Amino acid sequence: MAQLQAQPNYVDIIGQLCDEIGQLRDEMRQSATRMTERFDSLQTEMITMRAAVTTVQADITIIQADISAIHTQLDASEGNAIARLFNSTINNPQTPFQPLQNRHNMPVQSFPENATELTTILREYNLSNDGSVIDKRKRLAQYIGVVVQVF
């Protein structure tokens, strides 16, 4: 007699496959949950980083404006130093002055042409208006670099 081979228990095999598929499904859900949480965390970090970059960009813009203002003031200061040096050599009240620049490095509109017109600029540089006309002229002459008495 021929021996019959034992038939596999298909119900058990199918049950084992279903269990393994269920485990795989659970593992995939857990992995998907972890990935979603990590993705959400990365999104939050990116939003924070974008805000930080925006802040840095705004700070850089402010710094650039400050540097530009400093350059303008330095240019005015340098030009004024040169004008004061030139003005310090004047020994005739009719000799034209080298005008000073304001803090925006623009020529002072009311800058006097010579020593006889000094009083018109006192306000531009917030210099005292106290004293006689001669005192005011001396004060302004000293401020713009005139060292020789021209009055």
N, C-alpha and C. Protein backbone atom coordinates (compact mmCIF):
# COMPACT_ATOMS: atom_id res chain seq x y z
N MET A 1 0.77 -1.15 0.00
CA MET A 1 0.00 0.00 0.00
C MET A 1 0.83 1.25 0.00
N ALA A 2 0.40 2.07 -0.71
CA ALA A 2 1.14 3.32 -0.81
C ALA A 2 0.79 4.21 0.37
N GLN A 3 1.80 4.80 0.82
CA GLN A 3 1.60 5.67 1.97
C GLN A 3 1.04 7.01 1.52
N LEU A 4 0.12 7.46 2.26
CA LEU A 4 -0.46 8.77 1.99
C LEU A 4 0.38 9.84 2.68
N GLN A 5 0.64 10.78 1.94
CA GLN A 5 1.38 11.88 2.56
C GLN A 5 0.42 12.76 3.35
N ALA A 6 0.94 13.24 4.46
CA ALA A 6 0.11 14.09 5.30
C ALA A 6 -0.07 15.44 4.60
N GLN A 7 -1.26 15.85 4.62
CA GLN A 7 -1.60 17.14 4.00
C GLN A 7 -1.30 18.27 4.99
N PRO A 8 -0.74 19.36 4.50
CA PRO A 8 -0.50 20.49 5.39
C PRO A 8 -1.83 21.02 5.90
N ASN A 9 -1.76 21.57 7.08
CA ASN A 9 -2.96 22.15 7.68
C ASN A 9 -3.06 23.60 7.18
N TYR A 10 -3.84 23.76 6.16
CA TYR A 10 -3.96 25.07 5.52
C TYR A 10 -4.60 26.10 6.44
N VAL A 11 -5.44 25.69 7.30
CA VAL A 11 -6.11 26.61 8.21
C VAL A 11 -5.07 27.21 9.15
N ASP A 12 -4.15 26.35 9.63
CA ASP A 12 -3.09 26.85 10.52
C ASP A 12 -2.15 27.79 9.77
N ILE A 13 -1.80 27.43 8.55
CA ILE A 13 -0.89 28.26 7.73
C ILE A 13 -1.52 29.61 7.47
N ILE A 14 -2.80 29.60 7.11
CA ILE A 14 -3.51 30.86 6.83
C ILE A 14 -3.59 31.69 8.11
N GLY A 15 -3.83 31.03 9.23
CA GLY A 15 -3.88 31.74 10.51
C GLY A 15 -2.54 32.39 10.84
N GLN A 16 -1.45 31.65 10.60
CA GLN A 16 -0.12 32.18 10.87
C GLN A 16 0.18 33.37 9.94
N LEU A 17 -0.21 33.23 8.67
CA LEU A 17 -0.01 34.34 7.73
C LEU A 17 -0.80 35.57 8.15
N CYS A 18 -2.03 35.35 8.60
CA CYS A 18 -2.86 36.48 9.06
C CYS A 18 -2.23 37.14 10.27
N ASP A 19 -1.69 36.34 11.19
CA ASP A 19 -1.03 36.90 12.37
C ASP A 19 0.19 37.75 11.97
N GLU A 20 1.00 37.19 11.05
CA GLU A 20 2.18 37.91 10.60
C GLU A 20 1.81 39.19 9.86
N ILE A 21 0.77 39.12 9.05
CA ILE A 21 0.30 40.32 8.34
C ILE A 21 -0.19 41.35 9.35
N GLY A 22 -0.89 40.90 10.38
CA GLY A 22 -1.37 41.81 11.43
C GLY A 22 -0.20 42.48 12.15
N GLN A 23 0.85 41.68 12.45
CA GLN A 23 2.03 42.25 13.11
C GLN A 23 2.72 43.28 12.21
N LEU A 24 2.83 42.92 10.94
CA LEU A 24 3.43 43.86 9.99
C LEU A 24 2.61 45.15 9.89
N ARG A 25 1.30 45.00 9.87
CA ARG A 25 0.41 46.16 9.80
C ARG A 25 0.61 47.04 11.04
N ASP A 26 0.69 46.42 12.23
CA ASP A 26 0.90 47.18 13.47
C ASP A 26 2.24 47.90 13.44
N GLU A 27 3.29 47.19 12.98
CA GLU A 27 4.62 47.80 12.90
C GLU A 27 4.63 48.97 11.92
N MET A 28 3.92 48.80 10.79
CA MET A 28 3.85 49.87 9.81
C MET A 28 3.08 51.08 10.36
N ARG A 29 2.04 50.83 11.12
CA ARG A 29 1.28 51.93 11.74
C ARG A 29 2.15 52.67 12.75
N GLN A 30 2.90 51.90 13.53
CA GLN A 30 3.79 52.53 14.51
C GLN A 30 4.87 53.35 13.80
N SER A 31 5.42 52.79 12.74
CA SER A 31 6.43 53.51 11.97
C SER A 31 5.83 54.77 11.34
N ALA A 32 4.64 54.64 10.82
CA ALA A 32 3.97 55.80 10.21
C ALA A 32 3.70 56.86 11.27
N THR A 33 3.30 56.45 12.46
CA THR A 33 3.05 57.40 13.55
C THR A 33 4.34 58.11 13.95
N ARG A 34 5.43 57.34 14.09
CA ARG A 34 6.72 57.94 14.42
C ARG A 34 7.18 58.90 13.33
N MET A 35 6.99 58.51 12.07
CA MET A 35 7.39 59.37 10.95
C MET A 35 6.56 60.65 10.94
N THR A 36 5.27 60.53 11.21
CA THR A 36 4.39 61.71 11.25
C THR A 36 4.82 62.64 12.37
N GLU A 37 5.12 62.06 13.54
CA GLU A 37 5.57 62.88 14.66
C GLU A 37 6.88 63.57 14.33
N ARG A 38 7.80 62.87 13.72
CA ARG A 38 9.09 63.45 13.35
C ARG A 38 8.91 64.53 12.28
N PHE A 39 8.03 64.28 11.33
CA PHE A 39 7.75 65.25 10.29
C PHE A 39 7.16 66.52 10.91
N ASP A 40 6.22 66.34 11.83
CA ASP A 40 5.63 67.50 12.52
C ASP A 40 6.70 68.27 13.29
N SER A 41 7.60 67.55 13.93
CA SER A 41 8.69 68.19 14.67
C SER A 41 9.59 68.98 13.72
N LEU A 42 9.89 68.39 12.57
CA LEU A 42 10.74 69.07 11.59
C LEU A 42 10.04 70.32 11.04
N GLN A 43 8.75 70.23 10.83
CA GLN A 43 8.00 71.40 10.35
C GLN A 43 8.06 72.52 11.38
N THR A 44 7.90 72.18 12.64
CA THR A 44 7.97 73.18 13.70
C THR A 44 9.36 73.81 13.74
N GLU A 45 10.39 72.98 13.62
CA GLU A 45 11.76 73.50 13.61
C GLU A 45 11.98 74.42 12.41
N MET A 46 11.45 74.06 11.27
CA MET A 46 11.60 74.89 10.08
C MET A 46 10.90 76.24 10.26
N ILE A 47 9.72 76.23 10.86
CA ILE A 47 9.00 77.48 11.11
C ILE A 47 9.81 78.36 12.04
N THR A 48 10.38 77.76 13.07
CA THR A 48 11.22 78.50 14.01
C THR A 48 12.44 79.06 13.31
N MET A 49 13.06 78.25 12.47
CA MET A 49 14.25 78.70 11.75
C MET A 49 13.91 79.82 10.77
N ARG A 50 12.78 79.72 10.10
CA ARG A 50 12.37 80.79 9.17
C ARG A 50 12.17 82.09 9.93
N ALA A 51 11.54 82.01 11.10
CA ALA A 51 11.34 83.21 11.92
C ALA A 51 12.69 83.80 12.33
N ALA A 52 13.63 82.93 12.70
CA ALA A 52 14.96 83.40 13.09
C ALA A 52 15.67 84.05 11.91
N VAL A 53 15.56 83.47 10.74
CA VAL A 53 16.19 84.04 9.54
C VAL A 53 15.57 85.40 9.23
N THR A 54 14.27 85.51 9.36
CA THR A 54 13.59 86.78 9.12
C THR A 54 14.10 87.84 10.10
N THR A 55 14.25 87.45 11.35
CA THR A 55 14.77 88.38 12.36
C THR A 55 16.19 88.80 12.02
N VAL A 56 17.02 87.85 11.63
CA VAL A 56 18.41 88.16 11.26
C VAL A 56 18.43 89.08 10.06
N GLN A 57 17.57 88.83 9.08
CA GLN A 57 17.53 89.69 7.89
C GLN A 57 17.14 91.12 8.28
N ALA A 58 16.16 91.24 9.17
CA ALA A 58 15.75 92.57 9.62
C ALA A 58 16.90 93.25 10.37
N ASP A 59 17.60 92.49 11.20
CA ASP A 59 18.75 93.04 11.93
C ASP A 59 19.83 93.49 10.96
N ILE A 60 20.09 92.71 9.93
CA ILE A 60 21.10 93.08 8.94
C ILE A 60 20.70 94.36 8.22
N THR A 61 19.44 94.50 7.90
CA THR A 61 18.96 95.71 7.24
C THR A 61 19.19 96.93 8.13
N ILE A 62 18.91 96.78 9.42
CA ILE A 62 19.13 97.87 10.37
C ILE A 62 20.61 98.20 10.47
N ILE A 63 21.44 97.17 10.55
CA ILE A 63 22.89 97.37 10.65
C ILE A 63 23.41 98.07 9.39
N GLN A 64 22.91 97.65 8.22
CA GLN A 64 23.35 98.29 6.98
C GLN A 64 22.96 99.77 6.97
N ALA A 65 21.76 100.08 7.44
CA ALA A 65 21.33 101.48 7.50
C ALA A 65 22.21 102.26 8.48
N ASP A 66 22.52 101.64 9.62
CA ASP A 66 23.40 102.30 10.60
C ASP A 66 24.79 102.55 10.01
N ILE A 67 25.31 101.56 9.31
CA ILE A 67 26.64 101.71 8.69
C ILE A 67 26.61 102.82 7.64
N SER A 68 25.55 102.86 6.87
CA SER A 68 25.42 103.90 5.86
C SER A 68 25.38 105.29 6.51
N ALA A 69 24.63 105.40 7.61
CA ALA A 69 24.56 106.68 8.33
C ALA A 69 25.92 107.05 8.90
N ILE A 70 26.63 106.07 9.41
CA ILE A 70 27.97 106.33 9.95
C ILE A 70 28.91 106.80 8.83
N HIS A 71 28.83 106.15 7.67
CA HIS A 71 29.66 106.56 6.53
C HIS A 71 29.35 108.01 6.15
N THR A 72 28.07 108.34 6.12
CA THR A 72 27.67 109.70 5.77
C THR A 72 28.22 110.69 6.78
N GLN A 73 28.10 110.35 8.07
CA GLN A 73 28.61 111.24 9.11
C GLN A 73 30.13 111.36 9.05
N LEU A 74 30.81 110.24 8.78
CA LEU A 74 32.27 110.29 8.65
C LEU A 74 32.69 111.14 7.46
N ASP A 75 31.98 111.00 6.34
CA ASP A 75 32.28 111.81 5.17
C ASP A 75 32.10 113.30 5.49
N ALA A 76 31.01 113.62 6.19
CA ALA A 76 30.77 115.01 6.58
C ALA A 76 31.86 115.50 7.53
N SER A 77 32.22 114.66 8.48
CA SER A 77 33.26 115.03 9.45
C SER A 77 34.60 115.27 8.75
N GLU A 78 34.95 114.38 7.83
CA GLU A 78 36.21 114.54 7.10
C GLU A 78 36.19 115.81 6.26
N GLY A 79 35.09 116.03 5.56
CA GLY A 79 34.97 117.25 4.75
C GLY A 79 35.02 118.50 5.61
N ASN A 80 34.40 118.43 6.78
CA ASN A 80 34.41 119.58 7.68
C ASN A 80 35.80 119.83 8.25
N ALA A 81 36.54 118.76 8.50
CA ALA A 81 37.91 118.94 8.99
C ALA A 81 38.76 119.65 7.94
N ILE A 82 38.59 119.26 6.70
CA ILE A 82 39.33 119.91 5.61
C ILE A 82 38.90 121.37 5.47
N ALA A 83 37.59 121.62 5.56
CA ALA A 83 37.08 123.00 5.46
C ALA A 83 37.61 123.84 6.62
N ARG A 84 37.61 123.27 7.83
CA ARG A 84 38.12 124.01 8.99
C ARG A 84 39.62 124.33 8.80
N LEU A 85 40.36 123.38 8.27
CA LEU A 85 41.79 123.62 8.02
C LEU A 85 41.97 124.78 7.04
N PHE A 86 41.20 124.75 5.96
CA PHE A 86 41.27 125.85 4.98
C PHE A 86 40.85 127.16 5.64
N ASN A 87 39.74 127.14 6.37
CA ASN A 87 39.22 128.35 7.00
C ASN A 87 40.19 128.91 8.04
N SER A 88 41.01 128.05 8.61
CA SER A 88 41.95 128.51 9.63
C SER A 88 43.06 129.39 9.04
N THR A 89 43.20 129.37 7.74
CA THR A 89 44.25 130.17 7.09
C THR A 89 43.74 131.53 6.64
N ILE A 90 42.46 131.78 6.79
CA ILE A 90 41.87 133.04 6.30
C ILE A 90 42.30 134.18 7.22
N ASN A 91 42.76 135.27 6.61
CA ASN A 91 43.15 136.44 7.39
C ASN A 91 42.50 137.72 6.89
N ASN A 92 41.55 137.59 6.00
CA ASN A 92 40.82 138.74 5.47
C ASN A 92 39.32 138.45 5.64
N PRO A 93 38.55 139.37 6.25
CA PRO A 93 37.13 139.11 6.47
C PRO A 93 36.31 138.93 5.18
N GLN A 94 36.84 139.31 4.05
CA GLN A 94 36.12 139.16 2.78
C GLN A 94 36.48 137.88 2.05
N THR A 95 37.48 137.13 2.52
CA THR A 95 37.88 135.88 1.88
C THR A 95 36.77 134.84 2.06
N PRO A 96 36.35 134.21 0.99
CA PRO A 96 35.25 133.22 1.12
C PRO A 96 35.65 132.02 1.98
N PHE A 97 34.71 131.59 2.80
CA PHE A 97 34.90 130.39 3.61
C PHE A 97 34.67 129.13 2.78
N GLN A 98 35.31 128.06 3.19
CA GLN A 98 34.97 126.72 2.68
C GLN A 98 33.80 126.27 3.54
N PRO A 99 32.62 126.07 2.96
CA PRO A 99 31.45 125.74 3.80
C PRO A 99 31.54 124.36 4.44
N LEU A 100 30.93 124.25 5.61
CA LEU A 100 30.83 122.97 6.30
C LEU A 100 29.63 122.19 5.78
N GLN A 101 29.63 120.90 6.07
CA GLN A 101 28.52 120.02 5.70
C GLN A 101 27.69 119.75 6.95
N ASN A 102 26.39 119.52 6.76
CA ASN A 102 25.58 119.14 7.92
C ASN A 102 25.74 117.64 8.18
N ARG A 103 25.03 117.10 9.15
CA ARG A 103 25.22 115.69 9.52
C ARG A 103 24.78 114.72 8.42
N HIS A 104 24.07 115.22 7.42
CA HIS A 104 23.66 114.39 6.28
C HIS A 104 24.64 114.54 5.11
N ASN A 105 25.76 115.19 5.38
CA ASN A 105 26.82 115.43 4.40
C ASN A 105 26.33 116.28 3.24
N MET A 106 25.45 117.21 3.55
CA MET A 106 24.95 118.15 2.56
C MET A 106 25.46 119.54 2.94
N PRO A 107 25.75 120.37 1.96
CA PRO A 107 26.22 121.72 2.29
C PRO A 107 25.15 122.47 3.10
N VAL A 108 25.63 123.19 4.11
CA VAL A 108 24.70 123.99 4.92
C VAL A 108 24.17 125.10 4.03
N GLN A 109 22.85 125.17 3.94
CA GLN A 109 22.21 126.14 3.04
C GLN A 109 22.57 127.58 3.38
N SER A 110 22.62 127.88 4.66
CA SER A 110 22.82 129.28 5.07
C SER A 110 24.25 129.56 5.50
N PHE A 111 25.17 128.74 5.01
CA PHE A 111 26.57 128.93 5.43
C PHE A 111 27.05 130.30 4.94
N PRO A 112 27.68 131.06 5.84
CA PRO A 112 28.13 132.41 5.44
C PRO A 112 29.25 132.33 4.40
N GLU A 113 29.25 133.31 3.56
CA GLU A 113 30.29 133.34 2.53
C GLU A 113 31.63 133.74 3.11
N ASN A 114 31.59 134.59 4.13
CA ASN A 114 32.84 135.08 4.72
C ASN A 114 32.58 135.47 6.17
N ALA A 115 33.57 136.06 6.81
CA ALA A 115 33.49 136.37 8.24
C ALA A 115 32.38 137.35 8.58
N THR A 116 31.97 138.16 7.64
CA THR A 116 30.93 139.15 7.93
C THR A 116 29.55 138.53 8.02
N GLU A 117 29.40 137.29 7.58
CA GLU A 117 28.08 136.64 7.59
C GLU A 117 27.97 135.49 8.60
N LEU A 118 28.85 135.44 9.58
CA LEU A 118 28.92 134.30 10.49
C LEU A 118 27.64 134.06 11.31
N THR A 119 26.95 135.10 11.67
CA THR A 119 25.81 134.93 12.58
C THR A 119 24.68 134.10 11.98
N THR A 120 24.62 133.98 10.67
CA THR A 120 23.51 133.25 10.05
C THR A 120 23.57 131.74 10.26
N ILE A 121 24.68 131.23 10.70
CA ILE A 121 24.82 129.77 10.82
C ILE A 121 24.71 129.26 12.25
N LEU A 122 24.67 130.14 13.23
CA LEU A 122 24.63 129.71 14.63
C LEU A 122 23.54 128.66 14.89
N ARG A 123 22.38 128.88 14.37
CA ARG A 123 21.27 127.96 14.62
C ARG A 123 21.51 126.57 14.00
N GLU A 124 22.14 126.53 12.86
CA GLU A 124 22.37 125.25 12.17
C GLU A 124 23.18 124.29 13.03
N TYR A 125 24.09 124.82 13.83
CA TYR A 125 24.94 123.96 14.66
C TYR A 125 24.58 124.06 16.15
N ASN A 126 23.42 124.62 16.43
CA ASN A 126 22.95 124.73 17.82
C ASN A 126 23.98 125.40 18.72
N LEU A 127 24.63 126.40 18.21
CA LEU A 127 25.58 127.16 19.01
C LEU A 127 24.83 128.27 19.73
N SER A 128 25.35 128.67 20.85
CA SER A 128 24.69 129.67 21.69
C SER A 128 24.51 130.99 20.93
N ASN A 129 23.38 131.63 21.16
CA ASN A 129 23.11 132.95 20.60
C ASN A 129 23.40 134.05 21.62
N ASP A 130 23.96 133.67 22.75
CA ASP A 130 24.24 134.64 23.81
C ASP A 130 25.39 135.55 23.40
N GLY A 131 25.36 136.75 23.93
CA GLY A 131 26.46 137.70 23.73
C GLY A 131 26.24 138.63 22.56
N SER A 132 27.24 139.44 22.34
CA SER A 132 27.17 140.42 21.26
C SER A 132 27.37 139.73 19.91
N VAL A 133 27.20 140.48 18.86
CA VAL A 133 27.42 139.97 17.51
C VAL A 133 28.87 139.52 17.38
N ILE A 134 29.78 140.28 17.96
CA ILE A 134 31.20 139.91 17.90
C ILE A 134 31.42 138.57 18.61
N ASP A 135 30.79 138.39 19.78
CA ASP A 135 30.93 137.12 20.51
C ASP A 135 30.39 135.96 19.68
N LYS A 136 29.25 136.17 19.05
CA LYS A 136 28.65 135.12 18.21
C LYS A 136 29.57 134.78 17.04
N ARG A 137 30.13 135.80 16.43
CA ARG A 137 31.03 135.56 15.30
C ARG A 137 32.27 134.80 15.73
N LYS A 138 32.82 135.19 16.87
CA LYS A 138 34.00 134.50 17.39
C LYS A 138 33.68 133.03 17.69
N ARG A 139 32.51 132.80 18.30
CA ARG A 139 32.10 131.43 18.64
C ARG A 139 31.97 130.57 17.38
N LEU A 140 31.33 131.12 16.38
CA LEU A 140 31.15 130.37 15.13
C LEU A 140 32.48 130.24 14.38
N ALA A 141 33.26 131.27 14.37
CA ALA A 141 34.56 131.20 13.70
C ALA A 141 35.41 130.09 14.32
N GLN A 142 35.39 130.00 15.65
CA GLN A 142 36.15 128.94 16.32
C GLN A 142 35.58 127.57 15.94
N TYR A 143 34.26 127.47 15.88
CA TYR A 143 33.62 126.19 15.56
C TYR A 143 34.00 125.72 14.15
N ILE A 144 34.09 126.63 13.19
CA ILE A 144 34.40 126.21 11.83
C ILE A 144 35.89 126.17 11.54
N GLY A 145 36.70 126.52 12.54
CA GLY A 145 38.14 126.34 12.38
C GLY A 145 38.94 127.59 12.15
N VAL A 146 38.30 128.75 12.17
CA VAL A 146 39.04 130.00 11.97
C VAL A 146 39.82 130.29 13.25
N VAL A 147 41.14 130.41 13.14
CA VAL A 147 41.96 130.68 14.33
C VAL A 147 42.57 132.08 14.30
N VAL A 148 42.58 132.71 13.14
CA VAL A 148 43.12 134.06 13.02
C VAL A 148 41.99 135.04 13.27
N GLN A 149 42.27 136.05 14.06
CA GLN A 149 41.26 137.07 14.35
C GLN A 149 40.96 137.85 13.07
N VAL A 150 39.70 137.77 12.58
CA VAL A 150 39.34 138.45 11.34
C VAL A 150 38.29 139.51 11.57
N PHE A 151 38.01 139.84 12.82
CA PHE A 151 36.96 140.82 13.10
C PHE A 151 37.55 142.12 13.56
